[in-house]
PDB file of all heavy atoms in Angstrom:
ATOM      1  N   GLN A   1     210.939   9.307 195.871  1.00  0.00           N
ATOM      2  CA  GLN A   1     211.287   7.870 196.126  1.00  0.00           C
ATOM      3  C   GLN A   1     210.092   7.009 196.060  1.00  0.00           C
ATOM      4  O   GLN A   1     209.026   7.242 196.692  1.00  0.00           O
ATOM      5  CB  GLN A   1     211.968   7.713 197.485  1.00  0.00           C
ATOM      6  CG  GLN A   1     213.256   8.502 197.693  1.00  0.00           C
ATOM      7  CD  GLN A   1     214.403   7.952 196.806  1.00  0.00           C
ATOM      8  OE1 GLN A   1     214.400   6.799 196.418  1.00  0.00           O
ATOM      9  NE2 GLN A   1     215.370   8.836 196.470  1.00  0.00           N
ATOM     10  N   ARG A   2     210.169   5.886 195.337  1.00  0.00           N
ATOM     11  CA  ARG A   2     209.132   4.938 195.226  1.00  0.00           C
ATOM     12  C   ARG A   2     209.509   3.677 195.969  1.00  0.00           C
ATOM     13  O   ARG A   2     210.605   3.092 195.714  1.00  0.00           O
ATOM     14  CB  ARG A   2     208.756   4.607 193.809  1.00  0.00           C
ATOM     15  CG  ARG A   2     207.604   3.569 193.700  1.00  0.00           C
ATOM     16  CD  ARG A   2     207.116   3.389 192.232  1.00  0.00           C
ATOM     17  NE  ARG A   2     205.937   2.573 192.192  1.00  0.00           N
ATOM     18  CZ  ARG A   2     205.228   2.430 191.033  1.00  0.00           C
ATOM     19  NH1 ARG A   2     205.527   3.113 189.980  1.00  0.00           N
ATOM     20  NH2 ARG A   2     204.123   1.650 191.057  1.00  0.00           N
ATOM     21  N   ASP A   3     208.685   3.229 196.878  1.00  0.00           N
ATOM     22  CA  ASP A   3     208.976   2.011 197.617  1.00  0.00           C
ATOM     23  C   ASP A   3     207.746   1.132 197.519  1.00  0.00           C
ATOM     24  O   ASP A   3     206.789   1.311 198.306  1.00  0.00           O
ATOM     25  CB  ASP A   3     209.312   2.357 199.099  1.00  0.00           C
ATOM     26  CG  ASP A   3     209.743   1.048 199.893  1.00  0.00           C
ATOM     27  OD1 ASP A   3     209.888  -0.002 199.246  1.00  0.00           O
ATOM     28  OD2 ASP A   3     209.822   1.181 201.080  1.00  0.00           O
ATOM     29  N   GLY A   4     207.774   0.231 196.625  1.00  0.00           N
ATOM     30  CA  GLY A   4     206.598  -0.685 196.436  1.00  0.00           C
ATOM     31  C   GLY A   4     205.392   0.131 195.885  1.00  0.00           C
ATOM     32  O   GLY A   4     205.436   0.744 194.858  1.00  0.00           O
ATOM     33  N   ASP A   5     204.341   0.151 196.729  1.00  0.00           N
ATOM     34  CA  ASP A   5     203.135   0.887 196.339  1.00  0.00           C
ATOM     35  C   ASP A   5     202.989   2.240 196.991  1.00  0.00           C
ATOM     36  O   ASP A   5     201.961   2.826 196.996  1.00  0.00           O
ATOM     37  CB  ASP A   5     201.909  -0.005 196.705  1.00  0.00           C
ATOM     38  CG  ASP A   5     201.805  -0.200 198.202  1.00  0.00           C
ATOM     39  OD1 ASP A   5     202.693   0.191 198.909  1.00  0.00           O
ATOM     40  OD2 ASP A   5     200.748  -0.805 198.613  1.00  0.00           O
ATOM     41  N   THR A   6     204.126   2.752 197.505  1.00  0.00           N
ATOM     42  CA  THR A   6     204.159   4.061 198.140  1.00  0.00           C
ATOM     43  C   THR A   6     205.115   4.969 197.508  1.00  0.00           C
ATOM     44  O   THR A   6     206.279   4.583 197.261  1.00  0.00           O
ATOM     45  CB  THR A   6     204.463   3.947 199.632  1.00  0.00           C
ATOM     46  OG1 THR A   6     203.534   3.127 200.288  1.00  0.00           O
ATOM     47  CG2 THR A   6     204.455   5.311 200.293  1.00  0.00           C
ATOM     48  N   LEU A   7     204.688   6.185 197.134  1.00  0.00           N
ATOM     49  CA  LEU A   7     205.547   7.251 196.552  1.00  0.00           C
ATOM     50  C   LEU A   7     205.682   8.264 197.636  1.00  0.00           C
ATOM     51  O   LEU A   7     204.701   8.834 198.188  1.00  0.00           O
ATOM     52  CB  LEU A   7     204.908   7.827 195.296  1.00  0.00           C
ATOM     53  CG  LEU A   7     205.783   8.819 194.519  1.00  0.00           C
ATOM     54  CD1 LEU A   7     206.927   8.089 193.861  1.00  0.00           C
ATOM     55  CD2 LEU A   7     204.970   9.537 193.503  1.00  0.00           C
ATOM     56  N   THR A   8     206.952   8.581 198.010  1.00  0.00           N
ATOM     57  CA  THR A   8     207.261   9.571 199.036  1.00  0.00           C
ATOM     58  C   THR A   8     208.016  10.787 198.396  1.00  0.00           C
ATOM     59  O   THR A   8     208.938  10.599 197.666  1.00  0.00           O
ATOM     60  CB  THR A   8     208.122   8.963 200.156  1.00  0.00           C
ATOM     61  OG1 THR A   8     207.437   7.849 200.727  1.00  0.00           O
ATOM     62  CG2 THR A   8     208.396   9.986 201.233  1.00  0.00           C
ATOM     63  N   LEU A   9     207.541  11.954 198.749  1.00  0.00           N
ATOM     64  CA  LEU A   9     208.134  13.168 198.218  1.00  0.00           C
ATOM     65  C   LEU A   9     208.616  14.061 199.398  1.00  0.00           C
ATOM     66  O   LEU A   9     207.886  14.221 200.376  1.00  0.00           O
ATOM     67  CB  LEU A   9     207.125  14.017 197.386  1.00  0.00           C
ATOM     68  CG  LEU A   9     206.775  13.477 196.007  1.00  0.00           C
ATOM     69  CD1 LEU A   9     205.811  12.293 196.088  1.00  0.00           C
ATOM     70  CD2 LEU A   9     206.184  14.569 195.145  1.00  0.00           C
ATOM     71  N   ARG A  10     209.797  14.587 199.322  1.00  0.00           N
ATOM     72  CA  ARG A  10     210.396  15.432 200.344  1.00  0.00           C
ATOM     73  C   ARG A  10     211.094  16.701 199.709  1.00  0.00           C
ATOM     74  O   ARG A  10     211.834  16.513 198.803  1.00  0.00           O
ATOM     75  CB  ARG A  10     211.388  14.681 201.190  1.00  0.00           C
ATOM     76  CG  ARG A  10     210.830  13.582 202.123  1.00  0.00           C
ATOM     77  CD  ARG A  10     211.887  13.017 203.010  1.00  0.00           C
ATOM     78  NE  ARG A  10     211.295  11.972 203.891  1.00  0.00           N
ATOM     79  CZ  ARG A  10     211.253  10.717 203.557  1.00  0.00           C
ATOM     80  NH1 ARG A  10     211.698  10.325 202.379  1.00  0.00           N
ATOM     81  NH2 ARG A  10     210.760   9.845 204.346  1.00  0.00           N
ATOM     82  N   TRP A  11     210.753  17.820 200.240  1.00  0.00           N
ATOM     83  CA  TRP A  11     211.466  19.036 199.841  1.00  0.00           C
ATOM     84  C   TRP A  11     212.755  19.214 200.639  1.00  0.00           C
ATOM     85  O   TRP A  11     212.746  18.965 201.880  1.00  0.00           O
ATOM     86  CB  TRP A  11     210.569  20.273 200.077  1.00  0.00           C
ATOM     87  CG  TRP A  11     209.497  20.546 199.073  1.00  0.00           C
ATOM     88  CD1 TRP A  11     208.174  20.471 199.228  1.00  0.00           C
ATOM     89  CD2 TRP A  11     209.729  20.907 197.709  1.00  0.00           C
ATOM     90  NE1 TRP A  11     207.520  20.795 198.077  1.00  0.00           N
ATOM     91  CE2 TRP A  11     208.458  21.084 197.079  1.00  0.00           C
ATOM     92  CE3 TRP A  11     210.862  21.173 196.898  1.00  0.00           C
ATOM     93  CZ2 TRP A  11     208.295  21.436 195.743  1.00  0.00           C
ATOM     94  CZ3 TRP A  11     210.710  21.524 195.580  1.00  0.00           C
ATOM     95  CH2 TRP A  11     209.466  21.670 194.999  1.00  0.00           C
ATOM     96  N   HIS A  12     213.748  19.626 199.946  1.00  0.00           N
ATOM     97  CA  HIS A  12     215.022  19.985 200.587  1.00  0.00           C
ATOM     98  C   HIS A  12     215.342  21.391 200.211  1.00  0.00           C
ATOM     99  O   HIS A  12     215.849  21.689 199.087  1.00  0.00           O
ATOM    100  CB  HIS A  12     216.154  19.015 200.190  1.00  0.00           C
ATOM    101  CG  HIS A  12     215.939  17.616 200.566  1.00  0.00           C
ATOM    102  ND1 HIS A  12     216.336  17.103 201.806  1.00  0.00           N
ATOM    103  CD2 HIS A  12     215.349  16.571 199.854  1.00  0.00           C
ATOM    104  CE1 HIS A  12     216.019  15.811 201.865  1.00  0.00           C
ATOM    105  NE2 HIS A  12     215.383  15.445 200.720  1.00  0.00           N
ATOM    106  N   ALA A  13     215.029  22.329 201.054  1.00  0.00           N
ATOM    107  CA  ALA A  13     215.241  23.763 200.790  1.00  0.00           C
ATOM    108  C   ALA A  13     216.608  24.192 201.272  1.00  0.00           C
ATOM    109  O   ALA A  13     217.201  23.620 202.257  1.00  0.00           O
ATOM    110  CB  ALA A  13     214.159  24.628 201.373  1.00  0.00           C
ATOM    111  N   PRO A  14     217.226  25.204 200.671  1.00  0.00           N
ATOM    112  CA  PRO A  14     218.533  25.729 201.141  1.00  0.00           C
ATOM    113  C   PRO A  14     218.508  26.083 202.640  1.00  0.00           C
ATOM    114  O   PRO A  14     217.459  26.642 203.106  1.00  0.00           O
ATOM    115  CB  PRO A  14     218.753  26.947 200.324  1.00  0.00           C
ATOM    116  CG  PRO A  14     217.884  26.764 199.072  1.00  0.00           C
ATOM    117  CD  PRO A  14     216.691  26.036 199.549  1.00  0.00           C
ATOM    118  N   ASN A  15     219.516  25.756 203.342  1.00  0.00           N
ATOM    119  CA  ASN A  15     219.637  26.076 204.760  1.00  0.00           C
ATOM    120  C   ASN A  15     218.490  25.497 205.593  1.00  0.00           C
ATOM    121  O   ASN A  15     218.184  26.013 206.669  1.00  0.00           O
ATOM    122  CB  ASN A  15     219.736  27.642 204.989  1.00  0.00           C
ATOM    123  CG  ASN A  15     220.984  28.157 204.408  1.00  0.00           C
ATOM    124  OD1 ASN A  15     222.102  27.616 204.577  1.00  0.00           O
ATOM    125  ND2 ASN A  15     220.883  29.288 203.671  1.00  0.00           N
ATOM    126  N   ASN A  16     217.918  24.407 205.066  1.00  0.00           N
ATOM    127  CA  ASN A  16     216.801  23.695 205.804  1.00  0.00           C
ATOM    128  C   ASN A  16     215.653  24.622 206.167  1.00  0.00           C
ATOM    129  O   ASN A  16     214.985  24.443 207.150  1.00  0.00           O
ATOM    130  CB  ASN A  16     217.400  23.078 207.067  1.00  0.00           C
ATOM    131  CG  ASN A  16     218.351  21.967 206.806  1.00  0.00           C
ATOM    132  OD1 ASN A  16     218.207  21.123 205.908  1.00  0.00           O
ATOM    133  ND2 ASN A  16     219.533  22.007 207.541  1.00  0.00           N
ATOM    134  N   LEU A  17     215.433  25.578 205.291  1.00  0.00           N
ATOM    135  CA  LEU A  17     214.238  26.461 205.529  1.00  0.00           C
ATOM    136  C   LEU A  17     212.904  25.741 205.277  1.00  0.00           C
ATOM    137  O   LEU A  17     212.871  24.816 204.445  1.00  0.00           O
ATOM    138  CB  LEU A  17     214.339  27.640 204.534  1.00  0.00           C
ATOM    139  CG  LEU A  17     215.425  28.695 204.840  1.00  0.00           C
ATOM    140  CD1 LEU A  17     215.525  29.649 203.681  1.00  0.00           C
ATOM    141  CD2 LEU A  17     215.193  29.404 206.146  1.00  0.00           C
ATOM    142  N   PRO A  18     211.866  26.100 206.009  1.00  0.00           N
ATOM    143  CA  PRO A  18     210.573  25.462 205.753  1.00  0.00           C
ATOM    144  C   PRO A  18     210.110  25.800 204.332  1.00  0.00           C
ATOM    145  O   PRO A  18     210.262  26.910 203.859  1.00  0.00           O
ATOM    146  CB  PRO A  18     209.721  26.043 206.840  1.00  0.00           C
ATOM    147  CG  PRO A  18     210.386  27.307 207.225  1.00  0.00           C
ATOM    148  CD  PRO A  18     211.835  27.085 207.094  1.00  0.00           C
ATOM    149  N   PHE A  19     209.570  24.773 203.671  1.00  0.00           N
ATOM    150  CA  PHE A  19     209.084  24.963 202.262  1.00  0.00           C
ATOM    151  C   PHE A  19     207.879  24.042 202.022  1.00  0.00           C
ATOM    152  O   PHE A  19     207.994  23.041 201.316  1.00  0.00           O
ATOM    153  CB  PHE A  19     210.247  24.728 201.319  1.00  0.00           C
ATOM    154  CG  PHE A  19     209.923  25.180 199.935  1.00  0.00           C
ATOM    155  CD1 PHE A  19     209.871  26.538 199.595  1.00  0.00           C
ATOM    156  CD2 PHE A  19     209.720  24.301 198.846  1.00  0.00           C
ATOM    157  CE1 PHE A  19     209.589  27.007 198.337  1.00  0.00           C
ATOM    158  CE2 PHE A  19     209.473  24.722 197.596  1.00  0.00           C
ATOM    159  CZ  PHE A  19     209.355  26.065 197.300  1.00  0.00           C
ATOM    160  N   PRO A  20     206.706  24.393 202.556  1.00  0.00           N
ATOM    161  CA  PRO A  20     205.571  23.501 202.382  1.00  0.00           C
ATOM    162  C   PRO A  20     204.828  23.762 201.046  1.00  0.00           C
ATOM    163  O   PRO A  20     203.604  24.091 200.988  1.00  0.00           O
ATOM    164  CB  PRO A  20     204.674  23.921 203.559  1.00  0.00           C
ATOM    165  CG  PRO A  20     205.007  25.340 203.828  1.00  0.00           C
ATOM    166  CD  PRO A  20     206.478  25.507 203.492  1.00  0.00           C
ATOM    167  N   MET A  21     205.541  23.612 199.958  1.00  0.00           N
ATOM    168  CA  MET A  21     204.986  23.879 198.620  1.00  0.00           C
ATOM    169  C   MET A  21     204.236  22.650 198.145  1.00  0.00           C
ATOM    170  O   MET A  21     204.823  21.590 198.011  1.00  0.00           O
ATOM    171  CB  MET A  21     206.100  24.226 197.640  1.00  0.00           C
ATOM    172  CG  MET A  21     205.630  24.558 196.254  1.00  0.00           C
ATOM    173  SD  MET A  21     204.908  26.288 196.249  1.00  0.00           S
ATOM    174  CE  MET A  21     204.716  26.504 194.461  1.00  0.00           C
ATOM    175  N   PRO A  22     202.907  22.744 197.911  1.00  0.00           N
ATOM    176  CA  PRO A  22     202.153  21.614 197.441  1.00  0.00           C
ATOM    177  C   PRO A  22     202.713  21.073 196.078  1.00  0.00           C
ATOM    178  O   PRO A  22     203.255  21.853 195.334  1.00  0.00           O
ATOM    179  CB  PRO A  22     200.747  22.200 197.252  1.00  0.00           C
ATOM    180  CG  PRO A  22     200.708  23.376 198.091  1.00  0.00           C
ATOM    181  CD  PRO A  22     202.073  23.978 198.082  1.00  0.00           C
ATOM    182  N   VAL A  23     202.548  19.807 195.914  1.00  0.00           N
ATOM    183  CA  VAL A  23     203.040  19.105 194.718  1.00  0.00           C
ATOM    184  C   VAL A  23     201.944  18.287 194.137  1.00  0.00           C
ATOM    185  O   VAL A  23     201.313  17.513 194.834  1.00  0.00           O
ATOM    186  CB  VAL A  23     204.260  18.240 195.055  1.00  0.00           C
ATOM    187  CG1 VAL A  23     204.765  17.533 193.767  1.00  0.00           C
ATOM    188  CG2 VAL A  23     205.404  19.054 195.643  1.00  0.00           C
ATOM    189  N   ASP A  24     201.702  18.441 192.825  1.00  0.00           N
ATOM    190  CA  ASP A  24     200.754  17.575 192.126  1.00  0.00           C
ATOM    191  C   ASP A  24     201.411  16.298 191.608  1.00  0.00           C
ATOM    192  O   ASP A  24     202.560  16.384 191.151  1.00  0.00           O
ATOM    193  CB  ASP A  24     200.199  18.350 190.901  1.00  0.00           C
ATOM    194  CG  ASP A  24     199.235  19.488 191.337  1.00  0.00           C
ATOM    195  OD1 ASP A  24     198.795  19.470 192.455  1.00  0.00           O
ATOM    196  OD2 ASP A  24     198.869  20.268 190.445  1.00  0.00           O
ATOM    197  N   VAL A  25     200.759  15.261 191.730  1.00  0.00           N
ATOM    198  CA  VAL A  25     201.182  13.937 191.202  1.00  0.00           C
ATOM    199  C   VAL A  25     200.082  13.357 190.349  1.00  0.00           C
ATOM    200  O   VAL A  25     198.945  13.202 190.847  1.00  0.00           O
ATOM    201  CB  VAL A  25     201.585  12.962 192.290  1.00  0.00           C
ATOM    202  CG1 VAL A  25     202.014  11.601 191.713  1.00  0.00           C
ATOM    203  CG2 VAL A  25     202.685  13.550 193.145  1.00  0.00           C
ATOM    204  N   GLN A  26     200.322  13.084 189.093  1.00  0.00           N
ATOM    205  CA  GLN A  26     199.319  12.480 188.241  1.00  0.00           C
ATOM    206  C   GLN A  26     199.519  10.957 188.182  1.00  0.00           C
ATOM    207  O   GLN A  26     200.594  10.463 187.904  1.00  0.00           O
ATOM    208  CB  GLN A  26     199.355  13.029 186.854  1.00  0.00           C
ATOM    209  CG  GLN A  26     198.320  12.438 185.916  1.00  0.00           C
ATOM    210  CD  GLN A  26     198.237  13.154 184.582  1.00  0.00           C
ATOM    211  OE1 GLN A  26     198.670  14.281 184.434  1.00  0.00           O
ATOM    212  NE2 GLN A  26     197.722  12.456 183.572  1.00  0.00           N
ATOM    213  N   VAL A  27     198.501  10.208 188.543  1.00  0.00           N
ATOM    214  CA  VAL A  27     198.488   8.725 188.482  1.00  0.00           C
ATOM    215  C   VAL A  27     197.379   8.340 187.574  1.00  0.00           C
ATOM    216  O   VAL A  27     196.195   8.567 187.882  1.00  0.00           O
ATOM    217  CB  VAL A  27     198.329   8.085 189.887  1.00  0.00           C
ATOM    218  CG1 VAL A  27     198.382   6.585 189.770  1.00  0.00           C
ATOM    219  CG2 VAL A  27     199.308   8.603 190.874  1.00  0.00           C
ATOM    220  N   GLY A  28     197.739   7.726 186.431  1.00  0.00           N
ATOM    221  CA  GLY A  28     196.800   7.470 185.382  1.00  0.00           C
ATOM    222  C   GLY A  28     196.178   8.760 184.853  1.00  0.00           C
ATOM    223  O   GLY A  28     196.905   9.670 184.438  1.00  0.00           O
ATOM    224  N   GLU A  29     194.876   8.909 184.975  1.00  0.00           N
ATOM    225  CA  GLU A  29     194.228  10.152 184.487  1.00  0.00           C
ATOM    226  C   GLU A  29     193.848  11.089 185.654  1.00  0.00           C
ATOM    227  O   GLU A  29     193.240  12.132 185.470  1.00  0.00           O
ATOM    228  CB  GLU A  29     192.933   9.763 183.721  1.00  0.00           C
ATOM    229  CG  GLU A  29     193.193   9.005 182.477  1.00  0.00           C
ATOM    230  CD  GLU A  29     191.940   8.675 181.699  1.00  0.00           C
ATOM    231  OE1 GLU A  29     190.803   8.991 182.249  1.00  0.00           O
ATOM    232  OE2 GLU A  29     192.018   8.120 180.612  1.00  0.00           O
ATOM    233  N   THR A  30     194.248  10.739 186.828  1.00  0.00           N
ATOM    234  CA  THR A  30     193.875  11.531 188.009  1.00  0.00           C
ATOM    235  C   THR A  30     195.091  12.298 188.538  1.00  0.00           C
ATOM    236  O   THR A  30     196.153  11.739 188.737  1.00  0.00           O
ATOM    237  CB  THR A  30     193.332  10.567 189.114  1.00  0.00           C
ATOM    238  OG1 THR A  30     192.222   9.836 188.601  1.00  0.00           O
ATOM    239  CG2 THR A  30     192.828  11.464 190.332  1.00  0.00           C
ATOM    240  N   VAL A  31     194.843  13.600 188.857  1.00  0.00           N
ATOM    241  CA  VAL A  31     195.854  14.392 189.494  1.00  0.00           C
ATOM    242  C   VAL A  31     195.535  14.588 190.932  1.00  0.00           C
ATOM    243  O   VAL A  31     194.450  15.038 191.339  1.00  0.00           O
ATOM    244  CB  VAL A  31     195.951  15.786 188.789  1.00  0.00           C
ATOM    245  CG1 VAL A  31     196.984  16.682 189.495  1.00  0.00           C
ATOM    246  CG2 VAL A  31     196.365  15.672 187.317  1.00  0.00           C
ATOM    247  N   HIS A  32     196.534  14.180 191.795  1.00  0.00           N
ATOM    248  CA  HIS A  32     196.379  14.307 193.256  1.00  0.00           C
ATOM    249  C   HIS A  32     197.331  15.467 193.722  1.00  0.00           C
ATOM    250  O   HIS A  32     198.510  15.551 193.221  1.00  0.00           O
ATOM    251  CB  HIS A  32     196.800  13.012 193.906  1.00  0.00           C
ATOM    252  CG  HIS A  32     196.091  11.773 193.419  1.00  0.00           C
ATOM    253  ND1 HIS A  32     194.945  11.306 193.977  1.00  0.00           N
ATOM    254  CD2 HIS A  32     196.367  10.985 192.370  1.00  0.00           C
ATOM    255  CE1 HIS A  32     194.562  10.269 193.295  1.00  0.00           C
ATOM    256  NE2 HIS A  32     195.417  10.022 192.322  1.00  0.00           N
ATOM    257  N   THR A  33     196.866  16.272 194.630  1.00  0.00           N
ATOM    258  CA  THR A  33     197.681  17.333 195.192  1.00  0.00           C
ATOM    259  C   THR A  33     198.093  16.983 196.579  1.00  0.00           C
ATOM    260  O   THR A  33     197.250  16.779 197.477  1.00  0.00           O
ATOM    261  CB  THR A  33     196.930  18.667 195.230  1.00  0.00           C
ATOM    262  OG1 THR A  33     196.499  19.023 193.829  1.00  0.00           O
ATOM    263  CG2 THR A  33     197.724  19.789 195.800  1.00  0.00           C
ATOM    264  N   LEU A  34     199.427  16.882 196.786  1.00  0.00           N
ATOM    265  CA  LEU A  34     199.966  16.598 198.123  1.00  0.00           C
ATOM    266  C   LEU A  34     200.256  17.880 198.811  1.00  0.00           C
ATOM    267  O   LEU A  34     201.028  18.752 198.242  1.00  0.00           O
ATOM    268  CB  LEU A  34     201.259  15.760 198.008  1.00  0.00           C
ATOM    269  CG  LEU A  34     201.085  14.255 197.800  1.00  0.00           C
ATOM    270  CD1 LEU A  34     200.382  13.925 196.493  1.00  0.00           C
ATOM    271  CD2 LEU A  34     202.475  13.594 197.841  1.00  0.00           C
ATOM    272  N   PRO A  35     199.648  18.143 199.987  1.00  0.00           N
ATOM    273  CA  PRO A  35     199.829  19.473 200.594  1.00  0.00           C
ATOM    274  C   PRO A  35     201.259  19.720 201.076  1.00  0.00           C
ATOM    275  O   PRO A  35     201.604  20.906 201.236  1.00  0.00           O
ATOM    276  CB  PRO A  35     198.855  19.433 201.765  1.00  0.00           C
ATOM    277  CG  PRO A  35     198.591  17.953 201.993  1.00  0.00           C
ATOM    278  CD  PRO A  35     198.685  17.281 200.664  1.00  0.00           C
ATOM    279  N   MET A  36     202.048  18.738 201.336  1.00  0.00           N
ATOM    280  CA  MET A  36     203.429  18.863 201.781  1.00  0.00           C
ATOM    281  C   MET A  36     203.572  19.790 203.007  1.00  0.00           C
ATOM    282  O   MET A  36     204.467  20.613 203.059  1.00  0.00           O
ATOM    283  CB  MET A  36     204.289  19.413 200.606  1.00  0.00           C
ATOM    284  CG  MET A  36     204.173  18.563 199.339  1.00  0.00           C
ATOM    285  SD  MET A  36     204.838  16.933 199.439  1.00  0.00           S
ATOM    286  CE  MET A  36     206.635  17.314 199.320  1.00  0.00           C
ATOM    287  N   THR A  37     202.645  19.605 203.915  1.00  0.00           N
ATOM    288  CA  THR A  37     202.524  20.493 205.037  1.00  0.00           C
ATOM    289  C   THR A  37     203.850  20.681 205.771  1.00  0.00           C
ATOM    290  O   THR A  37     204.228  21.855 206.176  1.00  0.00           O
ATOM    291  CB  THR A  37     201.492  20.019 206.025  1.00  0.00           C
ATOM    292  OG1 THR A  37     200.231  19.815 205.270  1.00  0.00           O
ATOM    293  CG2 THR A  37     201.243  20.979 207.140  1.00  0.00           C
ATOM    294  N   HIS A  38     204.547  19.635 206.019  1.00  0.00           N
ATOM    295  CA  HIS A  38     205.843  19.804 206.692  1.00  0.00           C
ATOM    296  C   HIS A  38     207.031  19.484 205.770  1.00  0.00           C
ATOM    297  O   HIS A  38     208.086  19.028 206.176  1.00  0.00           O
ATOM    298  CB  HIS A  38     205.897  18.825 207.903  1.00  0.00           C
ATOM    299  CG  HIS A  38     204.880  19.051 208.935  1.00  0.00           C
ATOM    300  ND1 HIS A  38     204.873  20.183 209.706  1.00  0.00           N
ATOM    301  CD2 HIS A  38     203.748  18.385 209.244  1.00  0.00           C
ATOM    302  CE1 HIS A  38     203.836  20.177 210.550  1.00  0.00           C
ATOM    303  NE2 HIS A  38     203.117  19.090 210.246  1.00  0.00           N
ATOM    304  N   GLY A  39     206.735  19.786 204.460  1.00  0.00           N
ATOM    305  CA  GLY A  39     207.771  19.578 203.488  1.00  0.00           C
ATOM    306  C   GLY A  39     207.873  18.171 202.933  1.00  0.00           C
ATOM    307  O   GLY A  39     208.803  17.851 202.182  1.00  0.00           O
ATOM    308  N   GLU A  40     206.888  17.318 203.237  1.00  0.00           N
ATOM    309  CA  GLU A  40     206.894  15.953 202.670  1.00  0.00           C
ATOM    310  C   GLU A  40     205.458  15.456 202.569  1.00  0.00           C
ATOM    311  O   GLU A  40     204.554  15.988 203.201  1.00  0.00           O
ATOM    312  CB  GLU A  40     207.727  15.047 203.558  1.00  0.00           C
ATOM    313  CG  GLU A  40     207.273  14.840 204.959  1.00  0.00           C
ATOM    314  CD  GLU A  40     208.161  13.845 205.709  1.00  0.00           C
ATOM    315  OE1 GLU A  40     209.306  14.181 205.946  1.00  0.00           O
ATOM    316  OE2 GLU A  40     207.669  12.753 205.984  1.00  0.00           O
ATOM    317  N   GLY A  41     205.321  14.425 201.760  1.00  0.00           N
ATOM    318  CA  GLY A  41     204.012  13.799 201.558  1.00  0.00           C
ATOM    319  C   GLY A  41     204.140  12.414 200.883  1.00  0.00           C
ATOM    320  O   GLY A  41     205.205  12.090 200.276  1.00  0.00           O
ATOM    321  N   THR A  42     203.124  11.619 200.994  1.00  0.00           N
ATOM    322  CA  THR A  42     203.098  10.294 200.383  1.00  0.00           C
ATOM    323  C   THR A  42     201.759  10.030 199.662  1.00  0.00           C
ATOM    324  O   THR A  42     200.734  10.720 199.968  1.00  0.00           O
ATOM    325  CB  THR A  42     203.299   9.177 201.473  1.00  0.00           C
ATOM    326  OG1 THR A  42     202.166   9.267 202.383  1.00  0.00           O
ATOM    327  CG2 THR A  42     204.585   9.367 202.172  1.00  0.00           C
ATOM    328  N   ILE A  43     201.819   9.145 198.677  1.00  0.00           N
ATOM    329  CA  ILE A  43     200.646   8.759 197.945  1.00  0.00           C
ATOM    330  C   ILE A  43     200.800   7.304 197.619  1.00  0.00           C
ATOM    331  O   ILE A  43     201.921   6.791 197.246  1.00  0.00           O
ATOM    332  CB  ILE A  43     200.503   9.607 196.677  1.00  0.00           C
ATOM    333  CG1 ILE A  43     199.172   9.252 195.956  1.00  0.00           C
ATOM    334  CG2 ILE A  43     201.717   9.480 195.756  1.00  0.00           C
ATOM    335  CD1 ILE A  43     198.827  10.208 194.818  1.00  0.00           C
TER     336      ILE A  43
END
């Protein structure tokens, strides 16, 4: 979800299992890695 200048990512795993899978987001020429520690992250 993008809200203005903030991008929010959330994992939804089956049966609400924990799933802290890191996610890469490329903005321009730069790749940022969101750790998604609790299943979500923002940039």
